[in-house]
Amino acid sequence: MDKKKHESTPGDGLRSLRSTSLFRTINYELYAKPNKATMIFGAVAIVGCIGYIIYMRRNYDSSKHYSAVTSDGTVHMQKKVSKWTV
């Protein structure tokens, strides 16, 4: 049986080396060719999520209310009151 010899070309990286199928399955990112559309979508999604978290955090910190749990287990919003001004 003749095994096909793969000619390695510059830029192949790990794709040109012999490896097991288990190693290729576990380390899929090393053998898949980059897809620019997917990378751009992923970068925009991550930046959007981080921006939304920052936006929500700033709104929560600047609000004058907080969520309080009563003795019966219900949650409602209460206005922040300073004990020094009462």
N, C-alpha and C. Protein backbone atom coordinates (compact mmCIF):
# COMPACT_ATOMS: atom_id res chain seq x y z
N MET A 1 0.84 -1.18 0.00
CA MET A 1 0.00 0.00 0.00
C MET A 1 0.88 1.24 0.00
N ASP A 2 0.56 2.14 -0.87
CA ASP A 2 1.32 3.38 -0.95
C ASP A 2 0.60 4.45 -0.14
N LYS A 3 1.36 5.08 0.73
CA LYS A 3 0.81 6.21 1.47
C LYS A 3 1.12 7.48 0.69
N LYS A 4 0.13 8.33 0.58
CA LYS A 4 0.35 9.59 -0.13
C LYS A 4 1.22 10.49 0.72
N LYS A 5 2.26 10.97 0.12
CA LYS A 5 3.14 11.90 0.83
C LYS A 5 2.66 13.32 0.54
N HIS A 6 2.46 14.04 1.59
CA HIS A 6 1.99 15.41 1.47
C HIS A 6 3.20 16.33 1.43
N GLU A 7 3.32 17.09 0.38
CA GLU A 7 4.41 18.06 0.28
C GLU A 7 4.07 19.25 1.17
N SER A 8 4.97 19.55 2.08
CA SER A 8 4.71 20.70 2.95
C SER A 8 5.12 21.97 2.22
N THR A 9 4.29 22.96 2.36
CA THR A 9 4.55 24.26 1.77
C THR A 9 4.72 25.28 2.89
N PRO A 10 5.41 26.35 2.62
CA PRO A 10 5.57 27.37 3.66
C PRO A 10 4.21 27.88 4.13
N GLY A 11 4.03 27.98 5.41
CA GLY A 11 2.78 28.47 5.98
C GLY A 11 1.85 27.36 6.42
N ASP A 12 2.20 26.09 6.15
CA ASP A 12 1.34 24.98 6.57
C ASP A 12 1.36 24.79 8.08
N GLY A 13 2.49 25.03 8.69
CA GLY A 13 2.59 24.89 10.14
C GLY A 13 2.40 23.46 10.58
N LEU A 14 1.52 23.24 11.56
CA LEU A 14 1.29 21.89 12.08
C LEU A 14 0.55 20.99 11.11
N ARG A 15 -0.11 21.56 10.12
CA ARG A 15 -0.84 20.74 9.16
C ARG A 15 0.08 19.82 8.38
N SER A 16 1.36 20.17 8.26
CA SER A 16 2.29 19.35 7.48
C SER A 16 2.86 18.19 8.29
N LEU A 17 2.70 18.18 9.60
CA LEU A 17 3.25 17.13 10.45
C LEU A 17 2.29 15.96 10.55
N ARG A 18 2.84 14.76 10.82
CA ARG A 18 2.00 13.59 11.05
C ARG A 18 1.46 13.67 12.47
N SER A 19 0.18 13.36 12.64
CA SER A 19 -0.42 13.36 13.96
C SER A 19 -1.61 12.41 13.96
N THR A 20 -2.11 12.11 15.14
CA THR A 20 -3.25 11.21 15.25
C THR A 20 -4.54 11.98 15.04
N SER A 21 -5.60 11.26 14.72
CA SER A 21 -6.89 11.92 14.52
C SER A 21 -7.44 12.45 15.83
N LEU A 22 -7.11 11.82 16.96
CA LEU A 22 -7.54 12.33 18.26
C LEU A 22 -6.92 13.69 18.53
N PHE A 23 -5.63 13.83 18.24
CA PHE A 23 -4.96 15.11 18.44
C PHE A 23 -5.57 16.18 17.55
N ARG A 24 -5.89 15.83 16.31
CA ARG A 24 -6.51 16.80 15.40
C ARG A 24 -7.90 17.19 15.85
N THR A 25 -8.65 16.24 16.42
CA THR A 25 -10.00 16.53 16.90
C THR A 25 -9.96 17.46 18.11
N ILE A 26 -9.07 17.17 19.04
CA ILE A 26 -8.99 17.99 20.26
C ILE A 26 -8.45 19.38 19.95
N ASN A 27 -7.48 19.49 19.07
CA ASN A 27 -6.85 20.77 18.73
C ASN A 27 -7.27 21.22 17.34
N TYR A 28 -8.57 21.35 17.15
CA TYR A 28 -9.12 21.69 15.84
C TYR A 28 -8.60 23.02 15.32
N GLU A 29 -8.40 23.99 16.21
CA GLU A 29 -7.99 25.33 15.78
C GLU A 29 -6.62 25.34 15.12
N LEU A 30 -5.79 24.35 15.44
CA LEU A 30 -4.45 24.30 14.86
C LEU A 30 -4.48 23.86 13.40
N TYR A 31 -5.52 23.14 13.00
CA TYR A 31 -5.57 22.56 11.66
C TYR A 31 -6.57 23.26 10.74
N ALA A 32 -7.51 24.00 11.26
CA ALA A 32 -8.49 24.69 10.44
C ALA A 32 -7.88 25.97 9.87
N LYS A 33 -8.24 26.27 8.66
CA LYS A 33 -7.76 27.52 8.05
C LYS A 33 -8.57 28.68 8.61
N PRO A 34 -7.94 29.83 8.82
CA PRO A 34 -8.66 30.97 9.40
C PRO A 34 -9.76 31.48 8.48
N ASN A 35 -10.86 31.88 9.06
CA ASN A 35 -11.99 32.44 8.33
C ASN A 35 -12.18 33.87 8.81
N LYS A 36 -11.87 34.83 7.96
CA LYS A 36 -11.87 36.24 8.37
C LYS A 36 -13.26 36.72 8.75
N ALA A 37 -14.31 36.26 8.06
CA ALA A 37 -15.67 36.70 8.39
C ALA A 37 -16.05 36.25 9.80
N THR A 38 -15.70 35.02 10.16
CA THR A 38 -16.01 34.53 11.49
C THR A 38 -15.20 35.27 12.55
N MET A 39 -13.94 35.58 12.25
CA MET A 39 -13.12 36.31 13.21
C MET A 39 -13.67 37.71 13.44
N ILE A 40 -14.09 38.38 12.37
CA ILE A 40 -14.64 39.73 12.51
C ILE A 40 -15.94 39.69 13.30
N PHE A 41 -16.81 38.73 12.99
CA PHE A 41 -18.07 38.59 13.73
C PHE A 41 -17.80 38.33 15.22
N GLY A 42 -16.87 37.44 15.52
CA GLY A 42 -16.53 37.13 16.92
C GLY A 42 -15.97 38.33 17.65
N ALA A 43 -15.10 39.08 16.99
CA ALA A 43 -14.52 40.27 17.63
C ALA A 43 -15.59 41.33 17.91
N VAL A 44 -16.48 41.54 16.95
CA VAL A 44 -17.57 42.51 17.14
C VAL A 44 -18.50 42.05 18.26
N ALA A 45 -18.80 40.75 18.32
CA ALA A 45 -19.68 40.23 19.36
C ALA A 45 -19.05 40.39 20.75
N ILE A 46 -17.77 40.10 20.89
CA ILE A 46 -17.11 40.23 22.18
C ILE A 46 -17.04 41.69 22.61
N VAL A 47 -16.68 42.58 21.69
CA VAL A 47 -16.63 44.02 22.02
C VAL A 47 -18.02 44.53 22.39
N GLY A 48 -19.04 44.07 21.68
CA GLY A 48 -20.41 44.47 22.00
C GLY A 48 -20.84 44.01 23.38
N CYS A 49 -20.52 42.77 23.73
CA CYS A 49 -20.87 42.25 25.06
C CYS A 49 -20.15 43.01 26.17
N ILE A 50 -18.88 43.27 25.98
CA ILE A 50 -18.12 44.01 26.99
C ILE A 50 -18.66 45.43 27.11
N GLY A 51 -18.98 46.06 25.99
CA GLY A 51 -19.56 47.40 26.03
C GLY A 51 -20.90 47.42 26.74
N TYR A 52 -21.73 46.41 26.52
CA TYR A 52 -23.03 46.33 27.18
C TYR A 52 -22.86 46.13 28.69
N ILE A 53 -21.92 45.30 29.09
CA ILE A 53 -21.67 45.09 30.52
C ILE A 53 -21.20 46.39 31.18
N ILE A 54 -20.30 47.12 30.52
CA ILE A 54 -19.84 48.41 31.06
C ILE A 54 -20.99 49.39 31.15
N TYR A 55 -21.84 49.46 30.10
CA TYR A 55 -23.00 50.35 30.09
C TYR A 55 -23.96 50.02 31.24
N MET A 56 -24.26 48.74 31.42
CA MET A 56 -25.18 48.35 32.49
C MET A 56 -24.59 48.64 33.87
N ARG A 57 -23.29 48.42 34.02
CA ARG A 57 -22.64 48.67 35.31
C ARG A 57 -22.68 50.16 35.66
N ARG A 58 -22.43 51.00 34.68
CA ARG A 58 -22.48 52.45 34.93
C ARG A 58 -23.88 52.90 35.29
N ASN A 59 -24.90 52.35 34.61
CA ASN A 59 -26.28 52.72 34.93
C ASN A 59 -26.67 52.24 36.32
N TYR A 60 -26.22 51.06 36.72
CA TYR A 60 -26.56 50.54 38.04
C TYR A 60 -25.89 51.37 39.13
N ASP A 61 -24.63 51.73 38.93
CA ASP A 61 -23.92 52.52 39.94
C ASP A 61 -24.50 53.91 40.10
N SER A 62 -25.00 54.50 39.01
CA SER A 62 -25.51 55.86 39.09
C SER A 62 -26.99 55.92 39.48
N SER A 63 -27.65 54.78 39.58
CA SER A 63 -29.07 54.81 39.94
C SER A 63 -29.22 55.07 41.44
N LYS A 64 -30.36 55.55 41.80
CA LYS A 64 -30.63 55.88 43.20
C LYS A 64 -31.46 54.79 43.88
N HIS A 65 -31.53 53.60 43.27
CA HIS A 65 -32.32 52.50 43.82
C HIS A 65 -31.46 51.24 43.95
N TYR A 66 -31.90 50.33 44.77
CA TYR A 66 -31.26 49.02 44.90
C TYR A 66 -32.35 47.98 45.10
N SER A 67 -32.04 46.74 44.80
CA SER A 67 -33.03 45.68 44.97
C SER A 67 -32.93 45.13 46.38
N ALA A 68 -34.08 45.05 47.05
CA ALA A 68 -34.14 44.58 48.43
C ALA A 68 -35.03 43.34 48.48
N VAL A 69 -34.63 42.37 49.30
CA VAL A 69 -35.40 41.14 49.49
C VAL A 69 -36.13 41.26 50.82
N THR A 70 -37.43 41.05 50.78
CA THR A 70 -38.22 41.12 52.00
C THR A 70 -38.20 39.78 52.71
N SER A 71 -38.81 39.72 53.90
CA SER A 71 -38.80 38.49 54.68
C SER A 71 -39.60 37.37 54.03
N ASP A 72 -40.58 37.71 53.19
CA ASP A 72 -41.36 36.66 52.52
C ASP A 72 -40.72 36.21 51.20
N GLY A 73 -39.57 36.75 50.85
CA GLY A 73 -38.82 36.29 49.68
C GLY A 73 -39.04 37.08 48.41
N THR A 74 -39.87 38.10 48.42
CA THR A 74 -40.07 38.90 47.22
C THR A 74 -38.97 39.95 47.10
N VAL A 75 -38.70 40.32 45.86
CA VAL A 75 -37.66 41.31 45.59
C VAL A 75 -38.33 42.56 45.04
N HIS A 76 -37.99 43.70 45.58
CA HIS A 76 -38.51 44.97 45.05
C HIS A 76 -37.42 46.03 45.14
N MET A 77 -37.60 47.10 44.39
CA MET A 77 -36.62 48.18 44.34
C MET A 77 -36.92 49.19 45.44
N GLN A 78 -35.89 49.58 46.16
CA GLN A 78 -36.03 50.61 47.18
C GLN A 78 -35.08 51.76 46.86
N LYS A 79 -35.49 52.94 47.25
CA LYS A 79 -34.65 54.11 47.04
C LYS A 79 -33.53 54.11 48.09
N LYS A 80 -32.33 54.45 47.64
CA LYS A 80 -31.20 54.54 48.56
C LYS A 80 -31.40 55.73 49.49
N VAL A 81 -31.31 55.50 50.79
CA VAL A 81 -31.50 56.55 51.78
C VAL A 81 -30.30 56.55 52.71
N SER A 82 -29.74 57.72 52.93
CA SER A 82 -28.61 57.84 53.83
C SER A 82 -29.12 58.02 55.26
N LYS A 83 -28.51 57.36 56.20
CA LYS A 83 -28.92 57.51 57.61
C LYS A 83 -28.47 58.86 58.16
N TRP A 84 -27.55 59.52 57.49
CA TRP A 84 -27.06 60.80 57.96
C TRP A 84 -28.00 61.94 57.65
N THR A 85 -28.85 61.77 56.63
CA THR A 85 -29.76 62.86 56.26
C THR A 85 -31.12 62.73 56.91
N VAL A 86 -31.41 61.62 57.57
CA VAL A 86 -32.72 61.40 58.17
C VAL A 86 -32.81 62.06 59.50
